[in-house]
Amino acid sequence: MDYFISDTHFAHDKIIVFERTEFKTIEEHDKYIIDSINKKVKNTDTLYILGDIGKLEYVRELNGRKILLKGNHDSRSTKEYLGYFAEVYENPFYYNRRILLSHYPHPVEDHILNVHGHLHNSIMNKENYLNLSSKMIKYTPISERELIAFINKI
């Protein structure tokens, strides 16, 4: 099974001040996200992270085969990320003929679902955009099945 999440921001201590105020410490935040991901994602699954991971070393604690679509905070070289991810992308790409994965919301036709992050607590005012920023999805990755169900509604 494939799973999707964005904007984990591991070890980004300011994130709990201006957005994720339910956490008392960044360590609590990071552990909660890692545990939430690992409860759903098994080692035989694939986890797509749509940018802004934060502390790269935490990726090793996550279950599954990991694929990164770099976000605006992912400034290391692709070669460096390949030490932690099976695949690394710098630009949006089609997951299938109806799903475009991106970090930023990306213009798409009405029959295409743009699965993205970056907006944190905001959403696009169109039904074919789905923001998977961690807090928006309660820090739990969305499955491919859930994406397909969402597509069938548009």
C-alpha atoms as a PDB file:
ATOM      1  CA  MET A   1       0.000   0.000   0.000  1.00  0.00           C
ATOM      2  CA  ASP A   2       1.112   3.559  -0.667  1.00  0.00           C
ATOM      3  CA  TYR A   3       0.721   6.372   1.880  1.00  0.00           C
ATOM      4  CA  PHE A   4       1.118  10.148   1.655  1.00  0.00           C
ATOM      5  CA  ILE A   5       1.964  12.963   4.076  1.00  0.00           C
ATOM      6  CA  SER A   6       3.609  16.398   3.935  1.00  0.00           C
ATOM      7  CA  ASP A   7       5.248  18.966   6.189  1.00  0.00           C
ATOM      8  CA  THR A   8       6.431  16.835   9.088  1.00  0.00           C
ATOM      9  CA  HIS A   9       8.940  19.543  10.075  1.00  0.00           C
ATOM     10  CA  PHE A  10      10.882  17.243  12.409  1.00  0.00           C
ATOM     11  CA  ALA A  11      12.984  19.158  14.989  1.00  0.00           C
ATOM     12  CA  HIS A  12      11.664  22.518  13.784  1.00  0.00           C
ATOM     13  CA  ASP A  13      11.071  23.945  17.247  1.00  0.00           C
ATOM     14  CA  LYS A  14       9.248  27.082  16.042  1.00  0.00           C
ATOM     15  CA  ILE A  15       6.470  24.962  14.481  1.00  0.00           C
ATOM     16  CA  ILE A  16       5.008  24.180  17.927  1.00  0.00           C
ATOM     17  CA  VAL A  17       4.901  27.888  18.753  1.00  0.00           C
ATOM     18  CA  PHE A  18       3.061  29.198  15.701  1.00  0.00           C
ATOM     19  CA  GLU A  19       1.029  26.207  14.541  1.00  0.00           C
ATOM     20  CA  ARG A  20       1.183  22.936  16.430  1.00  0.00           C
ATOM     21  CA  THR A  21       0.420  24.298  19.867  1.00  0.00           C
ATOM     22  CA  GLU A  22      -1.017  21.002  21.132  1.00  0.00           C
ATOM     23  CA  PHE A  23       2.577  19.838  21.730  1.00  0.00           C
ATOM     24  CA  LYS A  24       4.590  21.034  24.724  1.00  0.00           C
ATOM     25  CA  THR A  25       8.001  20.185  23.232  1.00  0.00           C
ATOM     26  CA  ILE A  26       9.417  19.520  19.786  1.00  0.00           C
ATOM     27  CA  GLU A  27      10.489  16.073  21.002  1.00  0.00           C
ATOM     28  CA  GLU A  28       6.870  15.251  21.871  1.00  0.00           C
ATOM     29  CA  HIS A  29       5.816  16.537  18.425  1.00  0.00           C
ATOM     30  CA  ASP A  30       8.400  14.464  16.574  1.00  0.00           C
ATOM     31  CA  LYS A  31       7.684  11.271  18.516  1.00  0.00           C
ATOM     32  CA  TYR A  32       3.937  11.670  17.972  1.00  0.00           C
ATOM     33  CA  ILE A  33       4.337  12.028  14.199  1.00  0.00           C
ATOM     34  CA  ILE A  34       6.791   9.121  13.929  1.00  0.00           C
ATOM     35  CA  ASP A  35       4.465   6.901  15.995  1.00  0.00           C
ATOM     36  CA  SER A  36       1.398   7.978  13.976  1.00  0.00           C
ATOM     37  CA  ILE A  37       3.125   7.178  10.700  1.00  0.00           C
ATOM     38  CA  ASN A  38       4.472   3.839  11.908  1.00  0.00           C
ATOM     39  CA  LYS A  39       1.066   2.721  13.236  1.00  0.00           C
ATOM     40  CA  LYS A  40      -0.309   2.941   9.706  1.00  0.00           C
ATOM     41  CA  VAL A  41       2.679   2.337   7.416  1.00  0.00           C
ATOM     42  CA  LYS A  42       4.265  -1.114   7.406  1.00  0.00           C
ATOM     43  CA  ASN A  43       7.769  -1.934   6.167  1.00  0.00           C
ATOM     44  CA  THR A  44       6.270  -3.445   3.004  1.00  0.00           C
ATOM     45  CA  ASP A  45       4.462  -0.144   2.194  1.00  0.00           C
ATOM     46  CA  THR A  46       5.676   2.994   0.418  1.00  0.00           C
ATOM     47  CA  LEU A  47       5.542   6.389   2.128  1.00  0.00           C
ATOM     48  CA  TYR A  48       5.524   9.506  -0.038  1.00  0.00           C
ATOM     49  CA  ILE A  49       6.606  12.640   1.840  1.00  0.00           C
ATOM     50  CA  LEU A  50       5.578  15.753  -0.074  1.00  0.00           C
ATOM     51  CA  GLY A  51       8.260  18.026   1.298  1.00  0.00           C
ATOM     52  CA  ASP A  52       9.455  19.864   4.367  1.00  0.00           C
ATOM     53  CA  ILE A  53      10.666  16.898   6.383  1.00  0.00           C
ATOM     54  CA  GLY A  54      12.859  18.729   8.848  1.00  0.00           C
ATOM     55  CA  LYS A  55      15.581  16.728  10.590  1.00  0.00           C
ATOM     56  CA  LEU A  56      16.595  14.194   7.982  1.00  0.00           C
ATOM     57  CA  GLU A  57      17.898  11.594  10.416  1.00  0.00           C
ATOM     58  CA  TYR A  58      14.341  10.969  11.677  1.00  0.00           C
ATOM     59  CA  VAL A  59      13.436   9.475   8.298  1.00  0.00           C
ATOM     60  CA  ARG A  60      15.335   6.318   9.297  1.00  0.00           C
ATOM     61  CA  GLU A  61      12.803   5.781  12.104  1.00  0.00           C
ATOM     62  CA  LEU A  62       9.879   5.675   9.677  1.00  0.00           C
ATOM     63  CA  ASN A  63       8.498   2.400   8.334  1.00  0.00           C
ATOM     64  CA  GLY A  64       8.269   1.661   4.641  1.00  0.00           C
ATOM     65  CA  ARG A  65      10.088   2.505   1.454  1.00  0.00           C
ATOM     66  CA  LYS A  66      10.333   6.293   1.480  1.00  0.00           C
ATOM     67  CA  ILE A  67       9.996   8.658  -1.486  1.00  0.00           C
ATOM     68  CA  LEU A  68      10.596  12.408  -1.158  1.00  0.00           C
ATOM     69  CA  LEU A  69       9.204  15.219  -3.238  1.00  0.00           C
ATOM     70  CA  LYS A  70      11.361  18.110  -2.050  1.00  0.00           C
ATOM     71  CA  GLY A  71       9.689  21.128  -0.464  1.00  0.00           C
ATOM     72  CA  ASN A  72      10.860  24.686   0.099  1.00  0.00           C
ATOM     73  CA  HIS A  73      12.624  23.736   3.370  1.00  0.00           C
ATOM     74  CA  ASP A  74      14.401  20.714   1.855  1.00  0.00           C
ATOM     75  CA  SER A  75      17.599  22.463   0.807  1.00  0.00           C
ATOM     76  CA  ARG A  76      20.134  19.629   0.826  1.00  0.00           C
ATOM     77  CA  SER A  77      21.355  18.087  -2.398  1.00  0.00           C
ATOM     78  CA  THR A  78      19.363  15.282  -3.960  1.00  0.00           C
ATOM     79  CA  LYS A  79      22.397  13.040  -3.494  1.00  0.00           C
ATOM     80  CA  GLU A  80      22.303  13.657   0.268  1.00  0.00           C
ATOM     81  CA  TYR A  81      18.592  12.810   0.458  1.00  0.00           C
ATOM     82  CA  LEU A  82      19.176   9.579  -1.464  1.00  0.00           C
ATOM     83  CA  GLY A  83      20.980   8.285   1.625  1.00  0.00           C
ATOM     84  CA  TYR A  84      17.561   8.274   3.353  1.00  0.00           C
ATOM     85  CA  PHE A  85      15.034   7.916   0.515  1.00  0.00           C
ATOM     86  CA  ALA A  86      14.641   5.342  -2.253  1.00  0.00           C
ATOM     87  CA  GLU A  87      13.677   8.121  -4.682  1.00  0.00           C
ATOM     88  CA  VAL A  88      13.868  11.931  -4.575  1.00  0.00           C
ATOM     89  CA  TYR A  89      12.003  14.360  -6.846  1.00  0.00           C
ATOM     90  CA  GLU A  90      12.488  18.095  -7.214  1.00  0.00           C
ATOM     91  CA  ASN A  91       9.354  18.800  -9.248  1.00  0.00           C
ATOM     92  CA  PRO A  92       5.698  17.786  -9.180  1.00  0.00           C
ATOM     93  CA  PHE A  93       4.944  14.436 -10.796  1.00  0.00           C
ATOM     94  CA  TYR A  94       1.951  12.318 -11.678  1.00  0.00           C
ATOM     95  CA  TYR A  95       1.354   9.436  -9.308  1.00  0.00           C
ATOM     96  CA  ASN A  96      -1.190   8.128 -11.810  1.00  0.00           C
ATOM     97  CA  ARG A  97      -3.221   9.697 -14.607  1.00  0.00           C
ATOM     98  CA  ARG A  98      -5.580  11.453 -12.141  1.00  0.00           C
ATOM     99  CA  ILE A  99      -3.273  12.369  -9.226  1.00  0.00           C
ATOM    100  CA  LEU A 100      -0.539  15.002  -9.341  1.00  0.00           C
ATOM    101  CA  LEU A 101       1.808  15.051  -6.344  1.00  0.00           C
ATOM    102  CA  SER A 102       3.428  18.387  -5.470  1.00  0.00           C
ATOM    103  CA  HIS A 103       4.679  20.340  -2.493  1.00  0.00           C
ATOM    104  CA  TYR A 104       3.051  23.639  -3.441  1.00  0.00           C
ATOM    105  CA  PRO A 105      -0.493  23.617  -4.837  1.00  0.00           C
ATOM    106  CA  HIS A 106      -0.061  23.295  -8.596  1.00  0.00           C
ATOM    107  CA  PRO A 107      -2.518  24.303 -11.335  1.00  0.00           C
ATOM    108  CA  VAL A 108      -4.414  21.268 -12.644  1.00  0.00           C
ATOM    109  CA  GLU A 109      -7.488  20.583 -14.757  1.00  0.00           C
ATOM    110  CA  ASP A 110     -10.745  19.904 -12.903  1.00  0.00           C
ATOM    111  CA  HIS A 111     -10.578  16.109 -13.332  1.00  0.00           C
ATOM    112  CA  ILE A 112      -7.071  15.921 -11.809  1.00  0.00           C
ATOM    113  CA  LEU A 113      -6.524  15.756  -8.031  1.00  0.00           C
ATOM    114  CA  ASN A 114      -3.574  17.820  -6.835  1.00  0.00           C
ATOM    115  CA  VAL A 115      -2.264  16.226  -3.643  1.00  0.00           C
ATOM    116  CA  HIS A 116       0.032  18.756  -1.994  1.00  0.00           C
ATOM    117  CA  GLY A 117       1.323  20.226   1.241  1.00  0.00           C
ATOM    118  CA  HIS A 118       2.958  23.572   2.030  1.00  0.00           C
ATOM    119  CA  LEU A 119      -0.209  25.437   3.075  1.00  0.00           C
ATOM    120  CA  HIS A 120      -0.180  24.007   6.604  1.00  0.00           C
ATOM    121  CA  ASN A 121      -3.611  24.980   8.017  1.00  0.00           C
ATOM    122  CA  SER A 122      -5.047  26.477   4.825  1.00  0.00           C
ATOM    123  CA  ILE A 123      -6.895  24.874   1.958  1.00  0.00           C
ATOM    124  CA  MET A 124      -7.515  25.724  -1.676  1.00  0.00           C
ATOM    125  CA  ASN A 125     -11.107  26.639  -2.406  1.00  0.00           C
ATOM    126  CA  LYS A 126     -11.465  23.953  -5.092  1.00  0.00           C
ATOM    127  CA  GLU A 127     -12.591  20.381  -4.631  1.00  0.00           C
ATOM    128  CA  ASN A 128      -9.711  18.872  -6.627  1.00  0.00           C
ATOM    129  CA  TYR A 129      -6.969  20.061  -4.247  1.00  0.00           C
ATOM    130  CA  LEU A 130      -6.079  18.039  -1.172  1.00  0.00           C
ATOM    131  CA  ASN A 131      -3.715  19.472   1.440  1.00  0.00           C
ATOM    132  CA  LEU A 132      -1.811  16.700   3.246  1.00  0.00           C
ATOM    133  CA  SER A 133       0.161  18.952   5.580  1.00  0.00           C
ATOM    134  CA  SER A 134       0.658  16.898   8.740  1.00  0.00           C
ATOM    135  CA  LYS A 135      -1.621  18.847  11.044  1.00  0.00           C
ATOM    136  CA  MET A 136      -4.442  18.888   8.452  1.00  0.00           C
ATOM    137  CA  ILE A 137      -4.514  15.077   8.439  1.00  0.00           C
ATOM    138  CA  LYS A 138      -3.988  14.642  12.195  1.00  0.00           C
ATOM    139  CA  TYR A 139      -0.367  13.573  11.623  1.00  0.00           C
ATOM    140  CA  THR A 140      -1.481  10.288  10.047  1.00  0.00           C
ATOM    141  CA  PRO A 141      -0.673   9.483   6.410  1.00  0.00           C
ATOM    142  CA  ILE A 142      -3.471   9.120   3.883  1.00  0.00           C
ATOM    143  CA  SER A 143      -3.611   5.866   1.931  1.00  0.00           C
ATOM    144  CA  GLU A 144      -3.879   5.421  -1.817  1.00  0.00           C
ATOM    145  CA  ARG A 145      -7.380   3.983  -1.229  1.00  0.00           C
ATOM    146  CA  GLU A 146      -8.400   7.170   0.568  1.00  0.00           C
ATOM    147  CA  LEU A 147      -7.092   9.251  -2.343  1.00  0.00           C
ATOM    148  CA  ILE A 148      -9.028   7.156  -4.846  1.00  0.00           C
ATOM    149  CA  ALA A 149     -12.220   7.598  -2.772  1.00  0.00           C
ATOM    150  CA  PHE A 150     -11.577  11.359  -2.746  1.00  0.00           C
ATOM    151  CA  ILE A 151     -11.113  11.391  -6.539  1.00  0.00           C
ATOM    152  CA  ASN A 152     -14.394   9.586  -7.039  1.00  0.00           C
ATOM    153  CA  LYS A 153     -16.136  12.542  -5.375  1.00  0.00           C
ATOM    154  CA  ILE A 154     -14.776  15.134  -7.810  1.00  0.00           C
END
